[in-house]
Structures are given as structure tokens and as C-alpha cells.
Amino acid sequence: MTPLQALALERTVHDASLAYLWGGGGFATILADAGIRSPLATAMRKSLLLGTAIAASTSVIAIPLQTAAITSAWASMFRTDLWSAFAFGTGAGLAMLAHLAICLALLGAMSFGLSRLSILLAALALSSLAANGHAADDIASTLSDIIHVLLATAWVGALVPFVLLMPMTARPELRPAAVMSMFRFSRVGHVVVALVLLSGLANTLLILGHLPTDPSSPYQLQLILKIAVALAMACLAVVNRYLFVPIYRRDPTRSQRLLVMGASAEIALGAIAFSLVASFGIDDPAA
């Protein structure tokens, strides 16, 4: 594995962990019905702590790994003079230091059970990543990318607690709140999915100036694949809502099984999207 490949892997894991903290934590703390928040928080607590630890640890190694990727040499990762020069002597390095500080603050907030602060810090961490990507050349592009990133990660991250709600519907005392939370997810999801697609289109036009039509370009090829993945996720969301949910009235068990399968497939596609974004995020759009 080359340093550049390792950097793409680190970014994939880092982005996925922040997506879970922002989308999953946000759903459980804010969007879910009050009657289900406590059991949902209990079910998610260990995984949220793990996600926070992963986000913090990957942000710690990001600067040395970025230095190794720039020099195409693993040895550079262990040379403090090189990566400290990058961290303190470049705009990108300073941005990564600021991001590291946010992730460490996030770890502290989550460790002390400050759920709402943790959600805000996760959103801030994701926004800081978007603000330093390919769309960071002007304010319009930056804002568009931040909106797109926050919406897309909220969508994927919230799918995890959505799946966890399924078995809770089998408990009579939790069923009304669990079902209400699932319907809230569905209603908000309509808006989020539409805005993800629209903001993604806006980002593409702002960065490339046109739709990606050249598969010989590594950047455009991966962008085409990411668009295909996003459309597949949107189709799955429609199938879940309009084919699987109506089955619930006559066959709750089958409906839940299908919904879990559909949501799990969306999560898997979301992970693929994160890996593609991490990969073409270090490519030159003009290449």
C-alpha cells in the first residue's frame, strides 16, 4: 500500500465515523421521539464512543500521513521536522491542525456525555473538511460543499439508528415512539435526499463547470461512480418508503426484515460513496 492509498483509506474511515456521530447521534438525540431517545441512546452509546475514538485517532495520524503522501515515502511519516513544517508552514496544514483540535474536543465532549455538543462538533468537523476541499476556491462553492457534506453524512449516519429501531417496535411500551421516530425519519428523509442530489449537482458544476463525461479522467470516473451510487441509494430509499413500509400493516415481520435489508444496503452504498470521495478528493479535477 502506498502512502497515498493509505491516506484515502484514513479519510474514508474518518469521514464514516464523523457521519455516524453527526447523522446517527443527531437522529437519536434530536429527531427521534422523546419516548425512544433513552433506549436508543443506550443502544448506541458504545458505538458512538468508538466512533469518536476513531475520528480522533485518525485525525491525529492525518498530518504525518499527508506528509508521507506528499513525499511518496513512508519514512517521511516518522520525520517530525517534515510533518511539523507542513502542519505549521502551510495553509492546508493549519486547516488540518484546526480539524484535529475539533476532533479532540469532540472526544472530550462525548466522553463526558455531552451529546448535543458532540453533535455540533461533529458537524463542525465535517464542515471544516468540506471547507478545505476542491470546492474551497470561493464562498459559493464552499457553502455548497458544506451543505452537501452535512446532508449526505446525516442521511447515511441516521440509517444506523433507523435499523436499531426495528427490534424496538416488538416491545409494546416502545412501539408507538419507535414507529413515530421511523415516520419522522421518512418525512425528513424525503427532503434530505432531494437536497443531497441537488447540492451534489451544484458542486459538480461549480468544480468542473460541466457534468462529468470523461471516464478517462480518474477524477471524473470516480465522480461518475459516486453519482451512480447516490442515485442507487435514492432508489433504495424510495423502495423502502413506498414498497416495504406499506407491507407493515398486513405483515409487520416481513416489512421489518425488508426495511432492515434495504437500509443496510443503503449503508453499504454510503460506505462506497465515502471511499470514492476520499479517493477523488486527493485527485486533481483537471487531470
Foldseek 3Di string as FASTA:
>chain_A
DWLLLVLLVLQLLLLLLLLQLQQVLCLLPPLFFPLCNVVLCVVCLVVNLVSLVSNLVSLVQNQLSVQCVVVRHNVSSVDCVRSVCVLPVDPVNVLSVVLNVLSVVLNVCSVVVVSVVNNVSSLVSQLSVLCPFLQVPDDVSSVLSSLLSSLLSNLLNNLVSLLVLLVVCVDVSRNVSSVVSNVSCLVVVVVSLVSNLVSLVVNCCSRQVDQLDDCVAVLSVLSVVLNVLSVVLVVLSCCLVPPLVVCCVVPVVSSSVSNSVSSVVSNVSSSVSSSSCSNSRPPDPVD
